Amino acid sequence: MLKDLATRFEKASALYAATHELQRDRDWFMLKLQEEIGELTQAFNRLTGRGRAKGRTREEIRQDLADEAADVLGHILLLAHQHELDLEAAIERKWLFRP
């Protein structure tokens, strides 16, 4: 499931990079993820009253938070795809404890 989703994100990201003439080297994936985490944090700060709303309604800010969370998820999947990481196996090891 995650591999399929990562493939879809990869296609969209590659198209975006080609359209905007961006070079996606191995460092780019980590740096872009960090950028997106910053944007997620900004949206969270706005939603929780720790940042200026900038004229946006609470519902718009909630949508911003969801959109930024989606960007972070996408960039995690892109990073894993680029580095050939098996996230499903890692999730099984780290999160789905089986006695």
PDB file of N, CA and C in Angstrom:
ATOM      1  N   MET A   1       0.808  -1.188   0.000  1.00  0.00           N
ATOM      2  CA  MET A   1       0.000   0.000   0.000  1.00  0.00           C
ATOM      3  C   MET A   1       0.862   1.267   0.000  1.00  0.00           C
ATOM      4  N   LEU A   2       1.819   1.362   0.899  1.00  0.00           N
ATOM      5  CA  LEU A   2       2.685   2.538   0.950  1.00  0.00           C
ATOM      6  C   LEU A   2       3.539   2.668  -0.305  1.00  0.00           C
ATOM      7  N   LYS A   3       3.978   1.539  -0.837  1.00  0.00           N
ATOM      8  CA  LYS A   3       4.793   1.596  -2.060  1.00  0.00           C
ATOM      9  C   LYS A   3       3.995   2.165  -3.218  1.00  0.00           C
ATOM     10  N   ASP A   4       2.739   1.771  -3.320  1.00  0.00           N
ATOM     11  CA  ASP A   4       1.883   2.306  -4.379  1.00  0.00           C
ATOM     12  C   ASP A   4       1.676   3.807  -4.198  1.00  0.00           C
ATOM     13  N   LEU A   5       1.427   4.217  -2.983  1.00  0.00           N
ATOM     14  CA  LEU A   5       1.244   5.637  -2.702  1.00  0.00           C
ATOM     15  C   LEU A   5       2.532   6.408  -2.981  1.00  0.00           C
ATOM     16  N   ALA A   6       3.672   5.849  -2.592  1.00  0.00           N
ATOM     17  CA  ALA A   6       4.965   6.492  -2.850  1.00  0.00           C
ATOM     18  C   ALA A   6       5.195   6.645  -4.352  1.00  0.00           C
ATOM     19  N   THR A   7       4.801   5.651  -5.135  1.00  0.00           N
ATOM     20  CA  THR A   7       4.954   5.730  -6.585  1.00  0.00           C
ATOM     21  C   THR A   7       4.108   6.864  -7.158  1.00  0.00           C
ATOM     22  N   ARG A   8       2.917   7.036  -6.631  1.00  0.00           N
ATOM     23  CA  ARG A   8       2.051   8.128  -7.089  1.00  0.00           C
ATOM     24  C   ARG A   8       2.649   9.485  -6.724  1.00  0.00           C
ATOM     25  N   PHE A   9       3.168   9.604  -5.503  1.00  0.00           N
ATOM     26  CA  PHE A   9       3.828  10.846  -5.099  1.00  0.00           C
ATOM     27  C   PHE A   9       5.057  11.105  -5.965  1.00  0.00           C
ATOM     28  N   GLU A  10       5.803  10.060  -6.271  1.00  0.00           N
ATOM     29  CA  GLU A  10       7.010  10.199  -7.096  1.00  0.00           C
ATOM     30  C   GLU A  10       6.658  10.757  -8.472  1.00  0.00           C
ATOM     31  N   LYS A  11       5.616  10.239  -9.084  1.00  0.00           N
ATOM     32  CA  LYS A  11       5.206  10.732 -10.402  1.00  0.00           C
ATOM     33  C   LYS A  11       4.827  12.209 -10.333  1.00  0.00           C
ATOM     34  N   ALA A  12       4.057  12.576  -9.322  1.00  0.00           N
ATOM     35  CA  ALA A  12       3.639  13.973  -9.177  1.00  0.00           C
ATOM     36  C   ALA A  12       4.841  14.871  -8.896  1.00  0.00           C
ATOM     37  N   SER A  13       5.747  14.427  -8.050  1.00  0.00           N
ATOM     38  CA  SER A  13       6.924  15.217  -7.699  1.00  0.00           C
ATOM     39  C   SER A  13       7.860  15.380  -8.887  1.00  0.00           C
ATOM     40  N   ALA A  14       8.052  14.321  -9.641  1.00  0.00           N
ATOM     41  CA  ALA A  14       8.917  14.386 -10.830  1.00  0.00           C
ATOM     42  C   ALA A  14       8.337  15.348 -11.857  1.00  0.00           C
ATOM     43  N   LEU A  15       7.030  15.312 -12.054  1.00  0.00           N
ATOM     44  CA  LEU A  15       6.377  16.236 -12.988  1.00  0.00           C
ATOM     45  C   LEU A  15       6.536  17.680 -12.508  1.00  0.00           C
ATOM     46  N   TYR A  16       6.323  17.906 -11.216  1.00  0.00           N
ATOM     47  CA  TYR A  16       6.491  19.245 -10.640  1.00  0.00           C
ATOM     48  C   TYR A  16       7.922  19.736 -10.836  1.00  0.00           C
ATOM     49  N   ALA A  17       8.883  18.868 -10.562  1.00  0.00           N
ATOM     50  CA  ALA A  17      10.295  19.240 -10.708  1.00  0.00           C
ATOM     51  C   ALA A  17      10.628  19.556 -12.159  1.00  0.00           C
ATOM     52  N   ALA A  18      10.135  18.775 -13.075  1.00  0.00           N
ATOM     53  CA  ALA A  18      10.397  19.022 -14.498  1.00  0.00           C
ATOM     54  C   ALA A  18       9.753  20.332 -14.948  1.00  0.00           C
ATOM     55  N   THR A  19       8.535  20.578 -14.507  1.00  0.00           N
ATOM     56  CA  THR A  19       7.822  21.800 -14.878  1.00  0.00           C
ATOM     57  C   THR A  19       8.553  23.047 -14.392  1.00  0.00           C
ATOM     58  N   HIS A  20       9.123  22.946 -13.186  1.00  0.00           N
ATOM     59  CA  HIS A  20       9.777  24.109 -12.566  1.00  0.00           C
ATOM     60  C   HIS A  20      11.305  24.047 -12.657  1.00  0.00           C
ATOM     61  N   GLU A  21      11.787  23.102 -13.455  1.00  0.00           N
ATOM     62  CA  GLU A  21      13.232  22.944 -13.683  1.00  0.00           C
ATOM     63  C   GLU A  21      14.016  22.817 -12.377  1.00  0.00           C
ATOM     64  N   LEU A  22      13.538  21.953 -11.498  1.00  0.00           N
ATOM     65  CA  LEU A  22      14.204  21.694 -10.221  1.00  0.00           C
ATOM     66  C   LEU A  22      15.037  20.423 -10.312  1.00  0.00           C
ATOM     67  N   GLN A  23      16.181  20.432  -9.681  1.00  0.00           N
ATOM     68  CA  GLN A  23      17.022  19.244  -9.593  1.00  0.00           C
ATOM     69  C   GLN A  23      16.747  18.554  -8.259  1.00  0.00           C
ATOM     70  N   ARG A  24      16.245  17.344  -8.313  1.00  0.00           N
ATOM     71  CA  ARG A  24      15.954  16.589  -7.101  1.00  0.00           C
ATOM     72  C   ARG A  24      17.085  15.596  -6.861  1.00  0.00           C
ATOM     73  N   ASP A  25      18.156  16.054  -6.206  1.00  0.00           N
ATOM     74  CA  ASP A  25      19.223  15.122  -5.850  1.00  0.00           C
ATOM     75  C   ASP A  25      18.871  14.484  -4.502  1.00  0.00           C
ATOM     76  N   ARG A  26      19.717  13.612  -4.027  1.00  0.00           N
ATOM     77  CA  ARG A  26      19.410  12.878  -2.794  1.00  0.00           C
ATOM     78  C   ARG A  26      19.221  13.814  -1.599  1.00  0.00           C
ATOM     79  N   ASP A  27      19.951  14.915  -1.550  1.00  0.00           N
ATOM     80  CA  ASP A  27      19.789  15.870  -0.451  1.00  0.00           C
ATOM     81  C   ASP A  27      18.469  16.618  -0.539  1.00  0.00           C
ATOM     82  N   TRP A  28      18.013  16.876  -1.763  1.00  0.00           N
ATOM     83  CA  TRP A  28      16.786  17.646  -1.949  1.00  0.00           C
ATOM     84  C   TRP A  28      15.624  17.030  -1.189  1.00  0.00           C
ATOM     85  N   PHE A  29      15.523  15.706  -1.185  1.00  0.00           N
ATOM     86  CA  PHE A  29      14.394  15.035  -0.537  1.00  0.00           C
ATOM     87  C   PHE A  29      14.360  15.311   0.959  1.00  0.00           C
ATOM     88  N   MET A  30      15.502  15.296   1.611  1.00  0.00           N
ATOM     89  CA  MET A  30      15.553  15.587   3.049  1.00  0.00           C
ATOM     90  C   MET A  30      15.299  17.072   3.309  1.00  0.00           C
ATOM     91  N   LEU A  31      15.894  17.928   2.502  1.00  0.00           N
ATOM     92  CA  LEU A  31      15.715  19.362   2.692  1.00  0.00           C
ATOM     93  C   LEU A  31      14.268  19.778   2.453  1.00  0.00           C
ATOM     94  N   LYS A  32      13.637  19.213   1.457  1.00  0.00           N
ATOM     95  CA  LYS A  32      12.236  19.528   1.172  1.00  0.00           C
ATOM     96  C   LYS A  32      11.338  19.033   2.299  1.00  0.00           C
ATOM     97  N   LEU A  33      11.630  17.866   2.845  1.00  0.00           N
ATOM     98  CA  LEU A  33      10.868  17.358   3.982  1.00  0.00           C
ATOM     99  C   LEU A  33      10.971  18.327   5.158  1.00  0.00           C
ATOM    100  N   GLN A  34      12.154  18.815   5.429  1.00  0.00           N
ATOM    101  CA  GLN A  34      12.354  19.766   6.525  1.00  0.00           C
ATOM    102  C   GLN A  34      11.550  21.044   6.278  1.00  0.00           C
ATOM    103  N   GLU A  35      11.549  21.526   5.046  1.00  0.00           N
ATOM    104  CA  GLU A  35      10.769  22.715   4.691  1.00  0.00           C
ATOM    105  C   GLU A  35       9.284  22.482   4.977  1.00  0.00           C
ATOM    106  N   GLU A  36       8.794  21.328   4.576  1.00  0.00           N
ATOM    107  CA  GLU A  36       7.378  21.016   4.766  1.00  0.00           C
ATOM    108  C   GLU A  36       7.036  20.869   6.249  1.00  0.00           C
ATOM    109  N   ILE A  37       7.930  20.326   7.039  1.00  0.00           N
ATOM    110  CA  ILE A  37       7.688  20.234   8.489  1.00  0.00           C
ATOM    111  C   ILE A  37       7.577  21.639   9.082  1.00  0.00           C
ATOM    112  N   GLY A  38       8.388  22.569   8.594  1.00  0.00           N
ATOM    113  CA  GLY A  38       8.287  23.954   9.040  1.00  0.00           C
ATOM    114  C   GLY A  38       6.930  24.553   8.704  1.00  0.00           C
ATOM    115  N   GLU A  39       6.427  24.281   7.512  1.00  0.00           N
ATOM    116  CA  GLU A  39       5.120  24.794   7.112  1.00  0.00           C
ATOM    117  C   GLU A  39       4.003  24.154   7.937  1.00  0.00           C
ATOM    118  N   LEU A  40       4.140  22.870   8.267  1.00  0.00           N
ATOM    119  CA  LEU A  40       3.173  22.198   9.137  1.00  0.00           C
ATOM    120  C   LEU A  40       3.182  22.841  10.521  1.00  0.00           C
ATOM    121  N   THR A  41       4.360  23.144  11.021  1.00  0.00           N
ATOM    122  CA  THR A  41       4.480  23.787  12.329  1.00  0.00           C
ATOM    123  C   THR A  41       3.833  25.162  12.322  1.00  0.00           C
ATOM    124  N   GLN A  42       4.028  25.920  11.249  1.00  0.00           N
ATOM    125  CA  GLN A  42       3.393  27.240  11.148  1.00  0.00           C
ATOM    126  C   GLN A  42       1.873  27.114  11.184  1.00  0.00           C
ATOM    127  N   ALA A  43       1.326  26.172  10.445  1.00  0.00           N
ATOM    128  CA  ALA A  43      -0.125  25.978  10.434  1.00  0.00           C
ATOM    129  C   ALA A  43      -0.619  25.561  11.818  1.00  0.00           C
ATOM    130  N   PHE A  44       0.111  24.687  12.488  1.00  0.00           N
ATOM    131  CA  PHE A  44      -0.254  24.262  13.839  1.00  0.00           C
ATOM    132  C   PHE A  44      -0.237  25.449  14.792  1.00  0.00           C
ATOM    133  N   ASN A  45       0.793  26.272  14.680  1.00  0.00           N
ATOM    134  CA  ASN A  45       0.890  27.448  15.543  1.00  0.00           C
ATOM    135  C   ASN A  45      -0.290  28.391  15.325  1.00  0.00           C
ATOM    136  N   ARG A  46      -0.698  28.580  14.082  1.00  0.00           N
ATOM    137  CA  ARG A  46      -1.864  29.428  13.804  1.00  0.00           C
ATOM    138  C   ARG A  46      -3.129  28.832  14.414  1.00  0.00           C
ATOM    139  N   LEU A  47      -3.297  27.527  14.244  1.00  0.00           N
ATOM    140  CA  LEU A  47      -4.504  26.867  14.743  1.00  0.00           C
ATOM    141  C   LEU A  47      -4.593  26.922  16.264  1.00  0.00           C
ATOM    142  N   THR A  48      -3.461  26.844  16.930  1.00  0.00           N
ATOM    143  CA  THR A  48      -3.454  26.807  18.395  1.00  0.00           C
ATOM    144  C   THR A  48      -3.237  28.180  19.029  1.00  0.00           C
ATOM    145  N   GLY A  49      -3.335  29.235  18.218  1.00  0.00           N
ATOM    146  CA  GLY A  49      -3.222  30.583  18.751  1.00  0.00           C
ATOM    147  C   GLY A  49      -1.807  31.033  19.053  1.00  0.00           C
ATOM    148  N   ARG A  50      -0.819  30.312  18.557  1.00  0.00           N
ATOM    149  CA  ARG A  50       0.580  30.670  18.786  1.00  0.00           C
ATOM    150  C   ARG A  50       1.181  31.443  17.613  1.00  0.00           C
ATOM    151  N   GLY A  51       0.369  31.672  16.602  1.00  0.00           N
ATOM    152  CA  GLY A  51       0.811  32.408  15.427  1.00  0.00           C
ATOM    153  C   GLY A  51      -0.346  33.241  14.892  1.00  0.00           C
ATOM    154  N   ARG A  52      -0.033  34.215  14.087  1.00  0.00           N
ATOM    155  CA  ARG A  52      -1.054  35.098  13.520  1.00  0.00           C
ATOM    156  C   ARG A  52      -1.910  34.345  12.499  1.00  0.00           C
ATOM    157  N   ALA A  53      -3.194  34.605  12.533  1.00  0.00           N
ATOM    158  CA  ALA A  53      -4.130  33.952  11.611  1.00  0.00           C
ATOM    159  C   ALA A  53      -4.012  34.507  10.195  1.00  0.00           C
ATOM    160  N   LYS A  54      -3.446  35.674  10.046  1.00  0.00           N
ATOM    161  CA  LYS A  54      -3.256  36.310   8.733  1.00  0.00           C
ATOM    162  C   LYS A  54      -4.565  36.401   7.945  1.00  0.00           C
ATOM    163  N   GLY A  55      -5.635  36.716   8.666  1.00  0.00           N
ATOM    164  CA  GLY A  55      -6.927  36.912   8.021  1.00  0.00           C
ATOM    165  C   GLY A  55      -7.664  35.645   7.649  1.00  0.00           C
ATOM    166  N   ARG A  56      -7.124  34.494   8.024  1.00  0.00           N
ATOM    167  CA  ARG A  56      -7.752  33.214   7.676  1.00  0.00           C
ATOM    168  C   ARG A  56      -8.686  32.781   8.793  1.00  0.00           C
ATOM    169  N   THR A  57      -9.791  32.154   8.407  1.00  0.00           N
ATOM    170  CA  THR A  57     -10.740  31.647   9.392  1.00  0.00           C
ATOM    171  C   THR A  57     -10.166  30.393  10.054  1.00  0.00           C
ATOM    172  N   ARG A  58     -10.794  30.012  11.159  1.00  0.00           N
ATOM    173  CA  ARG A  58     -10.344  28.788  11.846  1.00  0.00           C
ATOM    174  C   ARG A  58     -10.465  27.578  10.922  1.00  0.00           C
ATOM    175  N   GLU A  59     -11.538  27.506  10.152  1.00  0.00           N
ATOM    176  CA  GLU A  59     -11.718  26.369   9.235  1.00  0.00           C
ATOM    177  C   GLU A  59     -10.659  26.383   8.137  1.00  0.00           C
ATOM    178  N   GLU A  60     -10.316  27.539   7.617  1.00  0.00           N
ATOM    179  CA  GLU A  60      -9.255  27.628   6.606  1.00  0.00           C
ATOM    180  C   GLU A  60      -7.910  27.199   7.194  1.00  0.00           C
ATOM    181  N   ILE A  61      -7.679  27.575   8.434  1.00  0.00           N
ATOM    182  CA  ILE A  61      -6.426  27.187   9.094  1.00  0.00           C
ATOM    183  C   ILE A  61      -6.397  25.679   9.329  1.00  0.00           C
ATOM    184  N   ARG A  62      -7.543  25.096   9.689  1.00  0.00           N
ATOM    185  CA  ARG A  62      -7.608  23.632   9.850  1.00  0.00           C
ATOM    186  C   ARG A  62      -7.316  22.940   8.519  1.00  0.00           C
ATOM    187  N   GLN A  63      -7.842  23.502   7.443  1.00  0.00           N
ATOM    188  CA  GLN A  63      -7.557  22.936   6.116  1.00  0.00           C
ATOM    189  C   GLN A  63      -6.075  23.091   5.780  1.00  0.00           C
ATOM    190  N   ASP A  64      -5.489  24.241   6.136  1.00  0.00           N
ATOM    191  CA  ASP A  64      -4.047  24.439   5.929  1.00  0.00           C
ATOM    192  C   ASP A  64      -3.252  23.368   6.670  1.00  0.00           C
ATOM    193  N   LEU A  65      -3.655  23.083   7.909  1.00  0.00           N
ATOM    194  CA  LEU A  65      -2.951  22.070   8.704  1.00  0.00           C
ATOM    195  C   LEU A  65      -3.047  20.702   8.030  1.00  0.00           C
ATOM    196  N   ALA A  66      -4.233  20.357   7.557  1.00  0.00           N
ATOM    197  CA  ALA A  66      -4.405  19.077   6.853  1.00  0.00           C
ATOM    198  C   ALA A  66      -3.563  19.033   5.582  1.00  0.00           C
ATOM    199  N   ASP A  67      -3.567  20.144   4.826  1.00  0.00           N
ATOM    200  CA  ASP A  67      -2.783  20.197   3.589  1.00  0.00           C
ATOM    201  C   ASP A  67      -1.294  20.055   3.864  1.00  0.00           C
ATOM    202  N   GLU A  68      -0.815  20.715   4.903  1.00  0.00           N
ATOM    203  CA  GLU A  68       0.607  20.623   5.235  1.00  0.00           C
ATOM    204  C   GLU A  68       0.962  19.238   5.768  1.00  0.00           C
ATOM    205  N   ALA A  69       0.054  18.618   6.518  1.00  0.00           N
ATOM    206  CA  ALA A  69       0.293  17.239   6.974  1.00  0.00           C
ATOM    207  C   ALA A  69       0.389  16.301   5.765  1.00  0.00           C
ATOM    208  N   ALA A  70      -0.448  16.532   4.759  1.00  0.00           N
ATOM    209  CA  ALA A  70      -0.383  15.722   3.536  1.00  0.00           C
ATOM    210  C   ALA A  70       0.952  15.928   2.830  1.00  0.00           C
ATOM    211  N   ASP A  71       1.431  17.177   2.810  1.00  0.00           N
ATOM    212  CA  ASP A  71       2.742  17.439   2.198  1.00  0.00           C
ATOM    213  C   ASP A  71       3.857  16.709   2.941  1.00  0.00           C
ATOM    214  N   VAL A  72       3.797  16.719   4.270  1.00  0.00           N
ATOM    215  CA  VAL A  72       4.829  16.022   5.054  1.00  0.00           C
ATOM    216  C   VAL A  72       4.774  14.527   4.762  1.00  0.00           C
ATOM    217  N   LEU A  73       3.581  13.963   4.767  1.00  0.00           N
ATOM    218  CA  LEU A  73       3.452  12.537   4.459  1.00  0.00           C
ATOM    219  C   LEU A  73       4.008  12.242   3.070  1.00  0.00           C
ATOM    220  N   GLY A  74       3.663  13.070   2.102  1.00  0.00           N
ATOM    221  CA  GLY A  74       4.168  12.868   0.748  1.00  0.00           C
ATOM    222  C   GLY A  74       5.679  12.907   0.693  1.00  0.00           C
ATOM    223  N   HIS A  75       6.271  13.856   1.388  1.00  0.00           N
ATOM    224  CA  HIS A  75       7.728  13.981   1.328  1.00  0.00           C
ATOM    225  C   HIS A  75       8.435  12.898   2.138  1.00  0.00           C
ATOM    226  N   ILE A  76       7.803  12.370   3.144  1.00  0.00           N
ATOM    227  CA  ILE A  76       8.371  11.193   3.832  1.00  0.00           C
ATOM    228  C   ILE A  76       8.387  10.011   2.859  1.00  0.00           C
ATOM    229  N   LEU A  77       7.283   9.830   2.140  1.00  0.00           N
ATOM    230  CA  LEU A  77       7.217   8.733   1.176  1.00  0.00           C
ATOM    231  C   LEU A  77       8.212   8.933   0.035  1.00  0.00           C
ATOM    232  N   LEU A  78       8.384  10.175  -0.404  1.00  0.00           N
ATOM    233  CA  LEU A  78       9.371  10.439  -1.455  1.00  0.00           C
ATOM    234  C   LEU A  78      10.787  10.139  -0.976  1.00  0.00           C
ATOM    235  N   LEU A  79      11.102  10.545   0.242  1.00  0.00           N
ATOM    236  CA  LEU A  79      12.431  10.273   0.812  1.00  0.00           C
ATOM    237  C   LEU A  79      12.664   8.765   0.899  1.00  0.00           C
ATOM    238  N   ALA A  80      11.675   8.049   1.394  1.00  0.00           N
ATOM    239  CA  ALA A  80      11.796   6.594   1.500  1.00  0.00           C
ATOM    240  C   ALA A  80      11.945   5.957   0.120  1.00  0.00           C
ATOM    241  N   HIS A  81      11.179   6.428  -0.844  1.00  0.00           N
ATOM    242  CA  HIS A  81      11.255   5.895  -2.203  1.00  0.00           C
ATOM    243  C   HIS A  81      12.644   6.137  -2.800  1.00  0.00           C
ATOM    244  N   GLN A  82      13.144   7.354  -2.647  1.00  0.00           N
ATOM    245  CA  GLN A  82      14.453   7.717  -3.206  1.00  0.00           C
ATOM    246  C   GLN A  82      15.572   6.858  -2.623  1.00  0.00           C
ATOM    247  N   HIS A  83      15.457   6.536  -1.344  1.00  0.00           N
ATOM    248  CA  HIS A  83      16.512   5.780  -0.661  1.00  0.00           C
ATOM    249  C   HIS A  83      16.186   4.287  -0.552  1.00  0.00           C
ATOM    250  N   GLU A  84      15.135   3.873  -1.268  1.00  0.00           N
ATOM    251  CA  GLU A  84      14.733   2.460  -1.318  1.00  0.00           C
ATOM    252  C   GLU A  84      14.532   1.874   0.072  1.00  0.00           C
ATOM    253  N   LEU A  85      13.813   2.618   0.908  1.00  0.00           N
ATOM    254  CA  LEU A  85      13.500   2.154   2.260  1.00  0.00           C
ATOM    255  C   LEU A  85      12.166   1.419   2.246  1.00  0.00           C
ATOM    256  N   ASP A  86      12.087   0.347   2.986  1.00  0.00           N
ATOM    257  CA  ASP A  86      10.846  -0.417   3.104  1.00  0.00           C
ATOM    258  C   ASP A  86      10.114   0.063   4.354  1.00  0.00           C
ATOM    259  N   LEU A  87       9.276   1.066   4.172  1.00  0.00           N
ATOM    260  CA  LEU A  87       8.563   1.637   5.314  1.00  0.00           C
ATOM    261  C   LEU A  87       7.569   0.658   5.920  1.00  0.00           C
ATOM    262  N   GLU A  88       6.948  -0.155   5.084  1.00  0.00           N
ATOM    263  CA  GLU A  88       5.990  -1.113   5.626  1.00  0.00           C
ATOM    264  C   GLU A  88       6.673  -2.076   6.587  1.00  0.00           C
ATOM    265  N   ALA A  89       7.850  -2.556   6.236  1.00  0.00           N
ATOM    266  CA  ALA A  89       8.601  -3.447   7.135  1.00  0.00           C
ATOM    267  C   ALA A  89       9.041  -2.694   8.390  1.00  0.00           C
ATOM    268  N   ALA A  90       9.451  -1.445   8.223  1.00  0.00           N
ATOM    269  CA  ALA A  90       9.883  -0.651   9.375  1.00  0.00           C
ATOM    270  C   ALA A  90       8.715  -0.389  10.323  1.00  0.00           C
ATOM    271  N   ILE A  91       7.539  -0.115   9.771  1.00  0.00           N
ATOM    272  CA  ILE A  91       6.356   0.104  10.613  1.00  0.00           C
ATOM    273  C   ILE A  91       6.018  -1.178  11.364  1.00  0.00           C
ATOM    274  N   GLU A  92       6.110  -2.278  10.685  1.00  0.00           N
ATOM    275  CA  GLU A  92       5.848  -3.570  11.336  1.00  0.00           C
ATOM    276  C   GLU A  92       6.815  -3.780  12.503  1.00  0.00           C
ATOM    277  N   ARG A  93       8.087  -3.489  12.284  1.00  0.00           N
ATOM    278  CA  ARG A  93       9.114  -3.653  13.341  1.00  0.00           C
ATOM    279  C   ARG A  93       8.904  -2.686  14.489  1.00  0.00           C
ATOM    280  N   LYS A  94       8.626  -1.425  14.155  1.00  0.00           N
ATOM    281  CA  LYS A  94       8.641  -0.375  15.157  1.00  0.00           C
ATOM    282  C   LYS A  94       7.308  -0.121  15.852  1.00  0.00           C
ATOM    283  N   TRP A  95       6.194  -0.338  15.168  1.00  0.00           N
ATOM    284  CA  TRP A  95       4.914   0.094  15.693  1.00  0.00           C
ATOM    285  C   TRP A  95       3.899  -1.022  15.926  1.00  0.00           C
ATOM    286  N   LEU A  96       3.961  -2.063  15.161  1.00  0.00           N
ATOM    287  CA  LEU A  96       2.959  -3.106  15.287  1.00  0.00           C
ATOM    288  C   LEU A  96       3.516  -4.273  16.084  1.00  0.00           C
ATOM    289  N   PHE A  97       3.558  -4.083  17.367  1.00  0.00           N
ATOM    290  CA  PHE A  97       4.164  -5.072  18.257  1.00  0.00           C
ATOM    291  C   PHE A  97       3.341  -6.338  18.255  1.00  0.00           C
ATOM    292  N   ARG A  98       4.010  -7.420  18.078  1.00  0.00           N
ATOM    293  CA  ARG A  98       3.343  -8.731  18.094  1.00  0.00           C
ATOM    294  C   ARG A  98       4.031  -9.614  19.131  1.00  0.00           C
ATOM    295  N   PRO A  99       3.250 -10.103  20.075  1.00  0.00           N
ATOM    296  CA  PRO A  99       3.840 -10.982  21.116  1.00  0.00           C
ATOM    297  C   PRO A  99       4.299 -12.310  20.560  1.00  0.00           C
TER     298      PRO A  99
END
